[in-house]
Amino acid sequence: MKNNQIIRRFATCAVAGTMLFTLCACGASSDKKDDTYKVTVVQQLDHASMDEIANAITAQLDAIAQEKNVTIEYEVYSGQNDQTVLKQLGDQAIVDGVDAIIPIGTTAAKVMTLCAQDSQTPVIYAAVSDPEKEDLTGIEYVTGTSDALETSAILDMMVKQNPDTKKVGLLYSLSESNSATPIQEAKEYLESKNIAYVEQTANTNDEVIAAASALVADGVDAIFTPTDNVIMSAELAIYEQLAQAGIPHYTGADSFVRNGAFATCGVNYTDLGARTADLAYQAITEGVDGMEDVYYMDGGLITVNTETAKALGIDPQIFADMGEVVEVTTTKE
C-alpha cells in the first residue's frame, strides 16, 4: 500500500524467543516460511475504542508468536470511516497474500468480507454489535467477536442514579447501522417506564457538537449513546459541556468513559481485542471451518469516570450493588 495517507502506523514482526522487531514493508512479497504468518488489521476509523482494540490485538499477536515459536507479521491501518479507503485496504491485503484480515468495526467487517470473497482469506472481525443482522454469519471464511450491548443494564443505571428522570436524550449516528438495535431497545425501555425521549443524530464531529448542544437546550436529564463510532470519535469535544450542564452521558463502551463520558456497563475492549487475536491465530493454523459464527464477549463491567462524576456530584459507588465498578479518569487522546 503506497498511499501513506491511509496508513495509520507501521507494524512490527513478533519473533519468538527474541526481542527483535523489524519493520514489515507494505506490499511485501506474499512468499512466507512455514512458521511465518501475515495479518492485516483494519480499523474502521481512529478513535479510543478502536485504538484500544487494535493495541490489544497486536499485543496478543506478539504474545502468541513468542509462545508458539512462530513469526507473526502484522500491519495496522485506518479506513478513515470511508468505504472506498476500506476497499483499497482490503484489496491490497488480498494482493499481499495475508493469512488473515482482522477488521475492527461493522463497516470494516462487511467490506473485508466482500474483499475476501474470492480468495476465502479468513476474516476475523472485532467489535461487531449485531453480526447476524449485518449478514456476517453463515459465511465459511468469516468469524469474530461481538460487543453486543445490554441496553437495559445501562438504562437501569440511569434510572438508579436518578429515579426522577423525566426526559432522556438519544444521541447517535444514522450512518452507524450497529446503533439501530440498541436505540430501538432504549425507546422501548423508556416508553415502558413513561420516560420521554428526544433524538439527535449526527454524522460529523461538528454535527455531534451541535447535537449535544441541542440536547442541553432541550433540558434532558441524561443522554444515552450506544457503541456508536461517530459519537465516540467526538466524545472529547462534548463531555465538558454535558458535565457543566449537569447531564450524565451513559454510553456503550468503556472507551467513551475514558474520554469523558460518565458511565457504561459493557464489554472490556482490551479483553475483546485479545480474544479476537486468539481466534485469528486459530483460524490461520486450523481453519475457520468448525469455529463458531460469532463469539460473544461477557459484559456487565461498570465503568465510571470519577472526574466527570465529581463534576456531576454523583458518587460512582452508587452502582456498586449492580456489578463490579471500575473507576477511571479522562484520557485526552
C-alpha atoms as a PDB file:
ATOM      1  CA  MET A   1       0.000   0.000   0.000  1.00  0.00           C
ATOM      2  CA  LYS A   2       1.738   3.120  -1.203  1.00  0.00           C
ATOM      3  CA  ASN A   3      -0.748   5.779  -0.163  1.00  0.00           C
ATOM      4  CA  ASN A   4       0.744   6.967   3.124  1.00  0.00           C
ATOM      5  CA  GLN A   5      -2.378   8.970   3.934  1.00  0.00           C
ATOM      6  CA  ILE A   6      -4.356   5.799   4.593  1.00  0.00           C
ATOM      7  CA  ILE A   7      -1.679   4.069   6.638  1.00  0.00           C
ATOM      8  CA  ARG A   8      -2.233   4.645  10.331  1.00  0.00           C
ATOM      9  CA  ARG A   9       1.039   3.219  11.544  1.00  0.00           C
ATOM     10  CA  PHE A  10       3.654   0.697  10.555  1.00  0.00           C
ATOM     11  CA  ALA A  11       3.713  -2.753  12.031  1.00  0.00           C
ATOM     12  CA  THR A  12       6.233  -4.914  13.811  1.00  0.00           C
ATOM     13  CA  CYS A  13       7.013  -8.545  13.373  1.00  0.00           C
ATOM     14  CA  ALA A  14       6.791 -10.560  16.554  1.00  0.00           C
ATOM     15  CA  VAL A  15       9.622 -13.070  16.582  1.00  0.00           C
ATOM     16  CA  ALA A  16       9.553 -15.796  19.215  1.00  0.00           C
ATOM     17  CA  GLY A  17      12.496 -16.201  21.521  1.00  0.00           C
ATOM     18  CA  THR A  18      13.956 -12.770  20.750  1.00  0.00           C
ATOM     19  CA  MET A  19      13.218  -9.122  21.439  1.00  0.00           C
ATOM     20  CA  LEU A  20      13.985  -8.159  17.839  1.00  0.00           C
ATOM     21  CA  PHE A  21      11.309  -6.208  15.977  1.00  0.00           C
ATOM     22  CA  THR A  22      11.699  -5.429  12.285  1.00  0.00           C
ATOM     23  CA  LEU A  23       9.604  -3.282  10.009  1.00  0.00           C
ATOM     24  CA  CYS A  24       7.102  -5.089   7.817  1.00  0.00           C
ATOM     25  CA  ALA A  25       7.109  -3.305   4.487  1.00  0.00           C
ATOM     26  CA  CYS A  26       3.725  -2.540   2.950  1.00  0.00           C
ATOM     27  CA  GLY A  27       3.080  -4.559  -0.181  1.00  0.00           C
ATOM     28  CA  ALA A  28       5.830  -7.058   0.612  1.00  0.00           C
ATOM     29  CA  SER A  29       6.085 -10.374  -1.208  1.00  0.00           C
ATOM     30  CA  SER A  30       3.422 -12.935  -0.310  1.00  0.00           C
ATOM     31  CA  ASP A  31       6.050 -15.698  -0.064  1.00  0.00           C
ATOM     32  CA  LYS A  32       6.402 -16.884   3.509  1.00  0.00           C
ATOM     33  CA  LYS A  33       8.143 -19.510   5.560  1.00  0.00           C
ATOM     34  CA  ASP A  34       6.100 -22.267   7.152  1.00  0.00           C
ATOM     35  CA  ASP A  35       6.354 -20.622  10.554  1.00  0.00           C
ATOM     36  CA  THR A  36       5.642 -17.070   9.384  1.00  0.00           C
ATOM     37  CA  TYR A  37       2.139 -15.609   9.184  1.00  0.00           C
ATOM     38  CA  LYS A  38       0.918 -12.293   7.841  1.00  0.00           C
ATOM     39  CA  VAL A  39      -2.039 -10.431   9.322  1.00  0.00           C
ATOM     40  CA  THR A  40      -3.658  -7.160   8.288  1.00  0.00           C
ATOM     41  CA  VAL A  41      -5.628  -5.268  10.950  1.00  0.00           C
ATOM     42  CA  VAL A  42      -8.068  -2.677   9.591  1.00  0.00           C
ATOM     43  CA  GLN A  43      -9.722  -0.173  11.899  1.00  0.00           C
ATOM     44  CA  GLN A  44     -12.891   1.378  10.556  1.00  0.00           C
ATOM     45  CA  LEU A  45     -11.560   4.711  11.811  1.00  0.00           C
ATOM     46  CA  ASP A  46      -9.317   6.135  14.525  1.00  0.00           C
ATOM     47  CA  HIS A  47     -10.778   6.690  17.975  1.00  0.00           C
ATOM     48  CA  ALA A  48     -10.220   5.478  21.520  1.00  0.00           C
ATOM     49  CA  SER A  49     -12.331   2.304  21.314  1.00  0.00           C
ATOM     50  CA  MET A  50     -10.780   1.042  18.104  1.00  0.00           C
ATOM     51  CA  ASP A  51      -7.294   2.092  19.156  1.00  0.00           C
ATOM     52  CA  GLU A  52      -7.729   0.094  22.364  1.00  0.00           C
ATOM     53  CA  ILE A  53      -8.892  -2.965  20.429  1.00  0.00           C
ATOM     54  CA  ALA A  54      -6.102  -2.692  17.841  1.00  0.00           C
ATOM     55  CA  ASN A  55      -3.456  -2.353  20.544  1.00  0.00           C
ATOM     56  CA  ALA A  56      -4.834  -5.392  22.351  1.00  0.00           C
ATOM     57  CA  ILE A  57      -4.872  -7.415  19.123  1.00  0.00           C
ATOM     58  CA  THR A  58      -1.269  -6.637  18.254  1.00  0.00           C
ATOM     59  CA  ALA A  59      -0.070  -7.200  21.818  1.00  0.00           C
ATOM     60  CA  GLN A  60      -1.730 -10.617  21.827  1.00  0.00           C
ATOM     61  CA  LEU A  61      -0.298 -11.480  18.407  1.00  0.00           C
ATOM     62  CA  ASP A  62       3.159 -10.707  19.816  1.00  0.00           C
ATOM     63  CA  ALA A  63       2.435 -12.928  22.817  1.00  0.00           C
ATOM     64  CA  ILE A  64       1.190 -15.765  20.613  1.00  0.00           C
ATOM     65  CA  ALA A  65       4.272 -15.517  18.390  1.00  0.00           C
ATOM     66  CA  GLN A  66       6.546 -15.857  21.379  1.00  0.00           C
ATOM     67  CA  GLU A  67       4.547 -18.679  22.942  1.00  0.00           C
ATOM     68  CA  LYS A  68       4.178 -20.700  19.725  1.00  0.00           C
ATOM     69  CA  ASN A  69       7.710 -20.032  18.448  1.00  0.00           C
ATOM     70  CA  VAL A  70       6.451 -18.536  15.179  1.00  0.00           C
ATOM     71  CA  THR A  71       6.696 -15.180  13.419  1.00  0.00           C
ATOM     72  CA  ILE A  72       3.562 -13.087  13.045  1.00  0.00           C
ATOM     73  CA  GLU A  73       3.924 -10.032  10.844  1.00  0.00           C
ATOM     74  CA  TYR A  74       1.124  -7.518  11.128  1.00  0.00           C
ATOM     75  CA  GLU A  75       0.194  -4.119   9.794  1.00  0.00           C
ATOM     76  CA  VAL A  76      -2.487  -1.822  11.233  1.00  0.00           C
ATOM     77  CA  TYR A  77      -4.404   0.587   9.029  1.00  0.00           C
ATOM     78  CA  SER A  78      -7.252   3.062   9.413  1.00  0.00           C
ATOM     79  CA  GLY A  79     -10.044   3.181   6.872  1.00  0.00           C
ATOM     80  CA  GLN A  80     -10.949   6.736   7.936  1.00  0.00           C
ATOM     81  CA  ASN A  81     -14.616   5.673   8.003  1.00  0.00           C
ATOM     82  CA  ASP A  82     -14.511   5.762   4.201  1.00  0.00           C
ATOM     83  CA  GLN A  83     -15.713   2.672   2.326  1.00  0.00           C
ATOM     84  CA  THR A  84     -13.511   3.477  -0.659  1.00  0.00           C
ATOM     85  CA  VAL A  85     -10.416   3.553   1.527  1.00  0.00           C
ATOM     86  CA  LEU A  86     -11.518   0.387   3.313  1.00  0.00           C
ATOM     87  CA  LYS A  87     -11.958  -1.381  -0.032  1.00  0.00           C
ATOM     88  CA  GLN A  88      -8.467  -0.307  -1.120  1.00  0.00           C
ATOM     89  CA  LEU A  89      -7.007  -1.689   2.103  1.00  0.00           C
ATOM     90  CA  GLY A  90      -8.889  -4.969   1.795  1.00  0.00           C
ATOM     91  CA  ASP A  91      -7.960  -5.473  -1.841  1.00  0.00           C
ATOM     92  CA  GLN A  92      -4.301  -4.759  -1.072  1.00  0.00           C
ATOM     93  CA  ALA A  93      -4.325  -7.271   1.787  1.00  0.00           C
ATOM     94  CA  ILE A  94      -5.553  -9.947  -0.630  1.00  0.00           C
ATOM     95  CA  VAL A  95      -2.900  -8.999  -3.210  1.00  0.00           C
ATOM     96  CA  ASP A  96      -0.251  -9.201  -0.467  1.00  0.00           C
ATOM     97  CA  GLY A  97      -1.364 -12.746   0.316  1.00  0.00           C
ATOM     98  CA  VAL A  98      -2.041 -12.225   4.011  1.00  0.00           C
ATOM     99  CA  ASP A  99      -3.096 -15.210   6.074  1.00  0.00           C
ATOM    100  CA  ALA A 100      -5.890 -13.332   7.846  1.00  0.00           C
ATOM    101  CA  ILE A 101      -7.630  -9.970   7.930  1.00  0.00           C
ATOM    102  CA  ILE A 102      -8.882  -8.541  11.228  1.00  0.00           C
ATOM    103  CA  PRO A 103     -11.367  -5.721  10.654  1.00  0.00           C
ATOM    104  CA  ILE A 104     -12.458  -3.637  13.659  1.00  0.00           C
ATOM    105  CA  GLY A 105     -15.992  -2.283  13.414  1.00  0.00           C
ATOM    106  CA  THR A 106     -19.102  -3.260  11.471  1.00  0.00           C
ATOM    107  CA  THR A 107     -18.463  -1.401   8.216  1.00  0.00           C
ATOM    108  CA  ALA A 108     -14.852  -2.569   8.101  1.00  0.00           C
ATOM    109  CA  ALA A 109     -16.003  -6.165   8.688  1.00  0.00           C
ATOM    110  CA  LYS A 110     -18.524  -6.019   5.844  1.00  0.00           C
ATOM    111  CA  VAL A 111     -16.036  -4.519   3.392  1.00  0.00           C
ATOM    112  CA  MET A 112     -13.268  -7.006   4.293  1.00  0.00           C
ATOM    113  CA  THR A 113     -15.696  -9.906   3.943  1.00  0.00           C
ATOM    114  CA  LEU A 114     -16.504  -8.744   0.413  1.00  0.00           C
ATOM    115  CA  CYS A 115     -12.830  -8.293  -0.456  1.00  0.00           C
ATOM    116  CA  ALA A 116     -12.003 -11.840   0.678  1.00  0.00           C
ATOM    117  CA  GLN A 117     -14.933 -13.486  -1.090  1.00  0.00           C
ATOM    118  CA  ASP A 118     -12.904 -14.965  -3.944  1.00  0.00           C
ATOM    119  CA  SER A 119      -9.714 -15.802  -2.041  1.00  0.00           C
ATOM    120  CA  GLN A 120     -11.595 -17.110   1.036  1.00  0.00           C
ATOM    121  CA  THR A 121      -8.928 -15.459   3.185  1.00  0.00           C
ATOM    122  CA  PRO A 122     -10.007 -15.797   6.844  1.00  0.00           C
ATOM    123  CA  VAL A 123     -11.745 -12.656   8.128  1.00  0.00           C
ATOM    124  CA  ILE A 124     -11.884 -12.439  11.920  1.00  0.00           C
ATOM    125  CA  TYR A 125     -13.792  -9.296  12.847  1.00  0.00           C
ATOM    126  CA  ALA A 126     -13.728  -7.451  16.154  1.00  0.00           C
ATOM    127  CA  ALA A 127     -16.495  -5.458  17.868  1.00  0.00           C
ATOM    128  CA  VAL A 128     -19.454  -6.075  15.584  1.00  0.00           C
ATOM    129  CA  SER A 129     -22.544  -5.471  17.695  1.00  0.00           C
ATOM    130  CA  ASP A 130     -25.064  -7.463  15.649  1.00  0.00           C
ATOM    131  CA  PRO A 131     -23.288  -9.846  13.232  1.00  0.00           C
ATOM    132  CA  GLU A 132     -26.461 -11.700  12.233  1.00  0.00           C
ATOM    133  CA  LYS A 133     -28.323  -8.521  11.302  1.00  0.00           C
ATOM    134  CA  GLU A 134     -25.278  -7.355   9.324  1.00  0.00           C
ATOM    135  CA  ASP A 135     -25.198 -10.629   7.330  1.00  0.00           C
ATOM    136  CA  LEU A 136     -21.830 -11.653   8.783  1.00  0.00           C
ATOM    137  CA  THR A 137     -22.934 -15.109   9.945  1.00  0.00           C
ATOM    138  CA  GLY A 138     -23.104 -18.309   7.929  1.00  0.00           C
ATOM    139  CA  ILE A 139     -20.019 -17.414   5.856  1.00  0.00           C
ATOM    140  CA  GLU A 140     -17.390 -20.145   5.725  1.00  0.00           C
ATOM    141  CA  TYR A 141     -14.339 -17.890   5.970  1.00  0.00           C
ATOM    142  CA  VAL A 142     -15.722 -15.358   8.489  1.00  0.00           C
ATOM    143  CA  THR A 143     -15.946 -15.339  12.289  1.00  0.00           C
ATOM    144  CA  GLY A 144     -15.198 -12.868  15.066  1.00  0.00           C
ATOM    145  CA  THR A 145     -16.138 -11.204  18.332  1.00  0.00           C
ATOM    146  CA  SER A 146     -19.262  -9.234  19.202  1.00  0.00           C
ATOM    147  CA  ASP A 147     -19.624  -6.375  21.651  1.00  0.00           C
ATOM    148  CA  ALA A 148     -23.405  -6.765  21.750  1.00  0.00           C
ATOM    149  CA  LEU A 149     -24.836  -4.241  24.173  1.00  0.00           C
ATOM    150  CA  GLU A 150     -27.111  -4.847  27.141  1.00  0.00           C
ATOM    151  CA  THR A 151     -29.079  -1.655  26.648  1.00  0.00           C
ATOM    152  CA  SER A 152     -31.407  -2.295  29.583  1.00  0.00           C
ATOM    153  CA  ALA A 153     -28.473  -2.631  32.008  1.00  0.00           C
ATOM    154  CA  ILE A 154     -27.186   0.832  31.077  1.00  0.00           C
ATOM    155  CA  LEU A 155     -30.623   2.393  31.351  1.00  0.00           C
ATOM    156  CA  ASP A 156     -31.138   0.639  34.700  1.00  0.00           C
ATOM    157  CA  MET A 157     -28.035   2.523  35.868  1.00  0.00           C
ATOM    158  CA  MET A 158     -29.527   5.781  34.607  1.00  0.00           C
ATOM    159  CA  VAL A 159     -32.780   5.261  36.499  1.00  0.00           C
ATOM    160  CA  LYS A 160     -30.999   4.100  39.648  1.00  0.00           C
ATOM    161  CA  GLN A 161     -28.820   7.207  39.679  1.00  0.00           C
ATOM    162  CA  ASN A 162     -31.840   9.461  39.102  1.00  0.00           C
ATOM    163  CA  PRO A 163     -35.232   7.837  39.773  1.00  0.00           C
ATOM    164  CA  ASP A 164     -36.868  11.149  38.811  1.00  0.00           C
ATOM    165  CA  THR A 165     -35.570  11.051  35.242  1.00  0.00           C
ATOM    166  CA  LYS A 166     -38.227  12.659  33.055  1.00  0.00           C
ATOM    167  CA  LYS A 167     -36.549  13.110  29.667  1.00  0.00           C
ATOM    168  CA  VAL A 168     -33.618  11.280  28.045  1.00  0.00           C
ATOM    169  CA  GLY A 169     -31.614  12.340  25.019  1.00  0.00           C
ATOM    170  CA  LEU A 170     -30.711   9.681  22.465  1.00  0.00           C
ATOM    171  CA  LEU A 171     -27.513  10.727  20.690  1.00  0.00           C
ATOM    172  CA  TYR A 172     -26.312   8.588  17.780  1.00  0.00           C
ATOM    173  CA  SER A 173     -25.383   8.490  14.105  1.00  0.00           C
ATOM    174  CA  LEU A 174     -27.684   7.294  11.338  1.00  0.00           C
ATOM    175  CA  SER A 175     -24.599   6.102   9.449  1.00  0.00           C
ATOM    176  CA  GLU A 176     -23.813   3.578  12.189  1.00  0.00           C
ATOM    177  CA  SER A 177     -26.020   0.558  11.494  1.00  0.00           C
ATOM    178  CA  ASN A 178     -24.946  -1.062  14.771  1.00  0.00           C
ATOM    179  CA  SER A 179     -26.689   1.752  16.667  1.00  0.00           C
ATOM    180  CA  ALA A 180     -30.143   0.951  15.294  1.00  0.00           C
ATOM    181  CA  THR A 181     -30.980  -2.001  17.533  1.00  0.00           C
ATOM    182  CA  PRO A 182     -29.876  -0.503  20.886  1.00  0.00           C
ATOM    183  CA  ILE A 183     -31.612   2.785  20.080  1.00  0.00           C
ATOM    184  CA  GLN A 184     -34.852   0.910  19.414  1.00  0.00           C
ATOM    185  CA  GLU A 185     -34.320  -1.050  22.639  1.00  0.00           C
ATOM    186  CA  ALA A 186     -33.767   2.217  24.505  1.00  0.00           C
ATOM    187  CA  LYS A 187     -37.000   3.669  23.144  1.00  0.00           C
ATOM    188  CA  GLU A 188     -38.970   0.598  24.219  1.00  0.00           C
ATOM    189  CA  TYR A 189     -37.375   0.667  27.682  1.00  0.00           C
ATOM    190  CA  LEU A 190     -38.104   4.365  28.207  1.00  0.00           C
ATOM    191  CA  GLU A 191     -41.653   4.030  26.942  1.00  0.00           C
ATOM    192  CA  SER A 192     -42.266   1.169  29.377  1.00  0.00           C
ATOM    193  CA  LYS A 193     -41.284   3.494  32.230  1.00  0.00           C
ATOM    194  CA  ASN A 194     -43.176   6.501  30.860  1.00  0.00           C
ATOM    195  CA  ILE A 195     -39.936   8.442  30.373  1.00  0.00           C
ATOM    196  CA  ALA A 196     -39.921  10.863  27.447  1.00  0.00           C
ATOM    197  CA  TYR A 197     -37.052  10.884  24.980  1.00  0.00           C
ATOM    198  CA  VAL A 198     -35.729  13.194  22.297  1.00  0.00           C
ATOM    199  CA  GLU A 199     -33.400  12.140  19.482  1.00  0.00           C
ATOM    200  CA  GLN A 200     -30.425  13.935  17.995  1.00  0.00           C
ATOM    201  CA  THR A 201     -28.370  12.380  15.207  1.00  0.00           C
ATOM    202  CA  ALA A 202     -25.020  13.417  13.760  1.00  0.00           C
ATOM    203  CA  ASN A 203     -22.532  12.189  11.184  1.00  0.00           C
ATOM    204  CA  THR A 204     -19.559  14.515  11.674  1.00  0.00           C
ATOM    205  CA  ASN A 205     -17.640  15.910  14.621  1.00  0.00           C
ATOM    206  CA  ASP A 206     -19.237  19.351  14.214  1.00  0.00           C
ATOM    207  CA  GLU A 207     -22.679  17.798  13.967  1.00  0.00           C
ATOM    208  CA  VAL A 208     -22.090  15.834  17.183  1.00  0.00           C
ATOM    209  CA  ILE A 209     -21.180  19.066  18.994  1.00  0.00           C
ATOM    210  CA  ALA A 210     -24.318  20.764  17.643  1.00  0.00           C
ATOM    211  CA  ALA A 211     -26.478  17.758  18.570  1.00  0.00           C
ATOM    212  CA  ALA A 212     -25.130  17.713  22.123  1.00  0.00           C
ATOM    213  CA  SER A 213     -25.844  21.445  22.443  1.00  0.00           C
ATOM    214  CA  ALA A 214     -29.390  20.868  21.231  1.00  0.00           C
ATOM    215  CA  LEU A 215     -29.953  18.204  23.893  1.00  0.00           C
ATOM    216  CA  VAL A 216     -28.637  20.544  26.568  1.00  0.00           C
ATOM    217  CA  ALA A 217     -31.011  23.248  25.356  1.00  0.00           C
ATOM    218  CA  ASP A 218     -33.852  20.723  25.374  1.00  0.00           C
ATOM    219  CA  GLY A 219     -33.347  20.150  29.085  1.00  0.00           C
ATOM    220  CA  VAL A 220     -32.755  16.391  29.061  1.00  0.00           C
ATOM    221  CA  ASP A 221     -31.919  14.720  32.370  1.00  0.00           C
ATOM    222  CA  ALA A 222     -29.467  12.241  30.839  1.00  0.00           C
ATOM    223  CA  ILE A 223     -28.129  11.132  27.453  1.00  0.00           C
ATOM    224  CA  PHE A 224     -27.720   7.601  26.083  1.00  0.00           C
ATOM    225  CA  THR A 225     -25.386   6.656  23.221  1.00  0.00           C
ATOM    226  CA  PRO A 226     -24.758   3.029  22.136  1.00  0.00           C
ATOM    227  CA  THR A 227     -21.426   1.777  20.743  1.00  0.00           C
ATOM    228  CA  ASP A 228     -21.546   4.410  18.028  1.00  0.00           C
ATOM    229  CA  ASN A 229     -18.205   5.131  16.357  1.00  0.00           C
ATOM    230  CA  VAL A 230     -19.151   8.603  15.115  1.00  0.00           C
ATOM    231  CA  ILE A 231     -20.178   9.827  18.563  1.00  0.00           C
ATOM    232  CA  MET A 232     -17.187   8.099  20.147  1.00  0.00           C
ATOM    233  CA  SER A 233     -14.785   9.999  17.914  1.00  0.00           C
ATOM    234  CA  ALA A 234     -16.272  13.289  19.160  1.00  0.00           C
ATOM    235  CA  GLU A 235     -16.661  12.475  22.864  1.00  0.00           C
ATOM    236  CA  LEU A 236     -13.710  14.624  23.907  1.00  0.00           C
ATOM    237  CA  ALA A 237     -15.389  17.585  22.246  1.00  0.00           C
ATOM    238  CA  ILE A 238     -18.682  17.288  24.150  1.00  0.00           C
ATOM    239  CA  TYR A 239     -18.069  15.759  27.567  1.00  0.00           C
ATOM    240  CA  GLU A 240     -17.196  19.004  29.363  1.00  0.00           C
ATOM    241  CA  GLN A 241     -20.281  20.796  28.075  1.00  0.00           C
ATOM    242  CA  LEU A 242     -22.524  17.945  29.199  1.00  0.00           C
ATOM    243  CA  ALA A 243     -20.917  17.749  32.644  1.00  0.00           C
ATOM    244  CA  GLN A 244     -21.199  21.514  33.130  1.00  0.00           C
ATOM    245  CA  ALA A 245     -24.888  21.267  32.245  1.00  0.00           C
ATOM    246  CA  GLY A 246     -25.333  18.520  34.844  1.00  0.00           C
ATOM    247  CA  ILE A 247     -26.210  15.888  32.243  1.00  0.00           C
ATOM    248  CA  PRO A 248     -24.682  12.416  32.702  1.00  0.00           C
ATOM    249  CA  HIS A 249     -23.754  10.731  29.418  1.00  0.00           C
ATOM    250  CA  TYR A 250     -24.308   6.960  29.525  1.00  0.00           C
ATOM    251  CA  THR A 251     -22.560   5.128  26.698  1.00  0.00           C
ATOM    252  CA  GLY A 252     -21.989   1.731  25.154  1.00  0.00           C
ATOM    253  CA  ALA A 253     -18.271   1.270  25.821  1.00  0.00           C
ATOM    254  CA  ASP A 254     -15.636   1.990  28.450  1.00  0.00           C
ATOM    255  CA  SER A 255     -13.538   3.926  25.933  1.00  0.00           C
ATOM    256  CA  PHE A 256     -16.247   6.625  25.832  1.00  0.00           C
ATOM    257  CA  VAL A 257     -15.902   6.892  29.601  1.00  0.00           C
ATOM    258  CA  ARG A 258     -12.129   7.206  29.376  1.00  0.00           C
ATOM    259  CA  ASN A 259     -12.757  10.131  27.032  1.00  0.00           C
ATOM    260  CA  GLY A 260     -15.045  11.917  29.481  1.00  0.00           C
ATOM    261  CA  ALA A 261     -18.481  10.268  29.315  1.00  0.00           C
ATOM    262  CA  PHE A 262     -19.999   9.484  32.696  1.00  0.00           C
ATOM    263  CA  ALA A 263     -20.590   5.725  32.789  1.00  0.00           C
ATOM    264  CA  THR A 264     -21.216   2.472  30.954  1.00  0.00           C
ATOM    265  CA  CYS A 265     -21.964  -1.163  31.580  1.00  0.00           C
ATOM    266  CA  GLY A 266     -20.488  -3.340  28.903  1.00  0.00           C
ATOM    267  CA  VAL A 267     -17.583  -5.194  27.331  1.00  0.00           C
ATOM    268  CA  ASN A 268     -13.916  -4.638  28.138  1.00  0.00           C
ATOM    269  CA  TYR A 269     -12.337  -3.847  24.763  1.00  0.00           C
ATOM    270  CA  THR A 270      -8.853  -4.952  25.767  1.00  0.00           C
ATOM    271  CA  ASP A 271     -10.232  -8.411  26.518  1.00  0.00           C
ATOM    272  CA  LEU A 272     -12.178  -8.354  23.250  1.00  0.00           C
ATOM    273  CA  GLY A 273      -9.051  -7.493  21.253  1.00  0.00           C
ATOM    274  CA  ALA A 274      -7.027 -10.279  22.859  1.00  0.00           C
ATOM    275  CA  ARG A 275      -9.804 -12.793  22.205  1.00  0.00           C
ATOM    276  CA  THR A 276     -10.002 -11.699  18.578  1.00  0.00           C
ATOM    277  CA  ALA A 277      -6.253 -12.259  18.127  1.00  0.00           C
ATOM    278  CA  ASP A 278      -6.574 -15.752  19.606  1.00  0.00           C
ATOM    279  CA  LEU A 279      -9.374 -16.527  17.157  1.00  0.00           C
ATOM    280  CA  ALA A 280      -7.298 -15.187  14.269  1.00  0.00           C
ATOM    281  CA  TYR A 281      -4.392 -17.479  15.085  1.00  0.00           C
ATOM    282  CA  GLN A 282      -6.796 -20.408  15.391  1.00  0.00           C
ATOM    283  CA  ALA A 283      -8.320 -19.570  12.016  1.00  0.00           C
ATOM    284  CA  ILE A 284      -4.893 -19.292  10.381  1.00  0.00           C
ATOM    285  CA  THR A 285      -3.491 -22.539  11.769  1.00  0.00           C
ATOM    286  CA  GLU A 286      -6.617 -24.710  11.975  1.00  0.00           C
ATOM    287  CA  GLY A 287      -9.024 -23.118   9.541  1.00  0.00           C
ATOM    288  CA  VAL A 288     -12.289 -21.287  10.158  1.00  0.00           C
ATOM    289  CA  ASP A 289     -14.299 -24.422   9.455  1.00  0.00           C
ATOM    290  CA  GLY A 290     -15.518 -25.727  12.794  1.00  0.00           C
ATOM    291  CA  MET A 291     -15.357 -22.351  14.535  1.00  0.00           C
ATOM    292  CA  GLU A 292     -18.472 -20.530  15.715  1.00  0.00           C
ATOM    293  CA  ASP A 293     -20.082 -17.881  13.508  1.00  0.00           C
ATOM    294  CA  VAL A 294     -19.605 -15.334  16.288  1.00  0.00           C
ATOM    295  CA  TYR A 295     -18.111 -15.222  19.772  1.00  0.00           C
ATOM    296  CA  TYR A 296     -19.988 -13.015  22.246  1.00  0.00           C
ATOM    297  CA  MET A 297     -17.952 -11.304  24.945  1.00  0.00           C
ATOM    298  CA  ASP A 298     -19.131 -11.156  28.537  1.00  0.00           C
ATOM    299  CA  GLY A 299     -20.371  -7.713  29.539  1.00  0.00           C
ATOM    300  CA  GLY A 300     -21.574  -6.395  32.849  1.00  0.00           C
ATOM    301  CA  LEU A 301     -18.464  -4.409  33.778  1.00  0.00           C
ATOM    302  CA  ILE A 302     -19.478  -0.982  35.098  1.00  0.00           C
ATOM    303  CA  THR A 303     -17.016   1.789  34.267  1.00  0.00           C
ATOM    304  CA  VAL A 304     -17.381   5.283  35.747  1.00  0.00           C
ATOM    305  CA  ASN A 305     -15.316   8.398  35.058  1.00  0.00           C
ATOM    306  CA  THR A 306     -14.533   9.817  38.515  1.00  0.00           C
ATOM    307  CA  GLU A 307     -13.673  13.297  37.214  1.00  0.00           C
ATOM    308  CA  THR A 308     -16.988  13.553  35.382  1.00  0.00           C
ATOM    309  CA  ALA A 309     -18.795  12.032  38.363  1.00  0.00           C
ATOM    310  CA  LYS A 310     -17.303  14.710  40.612  1.00  0.00           C
ATOM    311  CA  ALA A 311     -18.407  17.461  38.227  1.00  0.00           C
ATOM    312  CA  LEU A 312     -21.904  15.985  38.246  1.00  0.00           C
ATOM    313  CA  GLY A 313     -21.945  15.486  42.027  1.00  0.00           C
ATOM    314  CA  ILE A 314     -22.512  11.727  41.718  1.00  0.00           C
ATOM    315  CA  ASP A 315     -20.853   9.036  43.830  1.00  0.00           C
ATOM    316  CA  PRO A 316     -19.553   6.291  41.456  1.00  0.00           C
ATOM    317  CA  GLN A 317     -20.271   3.691  44.108  1.00  0.00           C
ATOM    318  CA  ILE A 318     -23.994   4.247  43.659  1.00  0.00           C
ATOM    319  CA  PHE A 319     -23.744   1.377  41.158  1.00  0.00           C
ATOM    320  CA  ALA A 320     -21.808  -0.978  43.458  1.00  0.00           C
ATOM    321  CA  ASP A 321     -24.769  -3.299  44.010  1.00  0.00           C
ATOM    322  CA  MET A 322     -25.298  -3.662  40.244  1.00  0.00           C
ATOM    323  CA  GLY A 323     -21.890  -5.153  39.443  1.00  0.00           C
ATOM    324  CA  GLU A 324     -18.151  -4.574  39.575  1.00  0.00           C
ATOM    325  CA  VAL A 325     -17.388  -0.858  39.367  1.00  0.00           C
ATOM    326  CA  VAL A 326     -14.161   0.274  37.698  1.00  0.00           C
ATOM    327  CA  GLU A 327     -13.223   3.915  38.229  1.00  0.00           C
ATOM    328  CA  VAL A 328     -11.248   5.715  35.508  1.00  0.00           C
ATOM    329  CA  THR A 329     -10.185   9.251  34.675  1.00  0.00           C
ATOM    330  CA  THR A 330     -10.252  11.149  31.397  1.00  0.00           C
ATOM    331  CA  THR A 331      -7.523  10.345  28.891  1.00  0.00           C
ATOM    332  CA  LYS A 332      -7.364  13.055  26.245  1.00  0.00           C
ATOM    333  CA  GLU A 333      -6.139  11.097  23.257  1.00  0.00           C
END
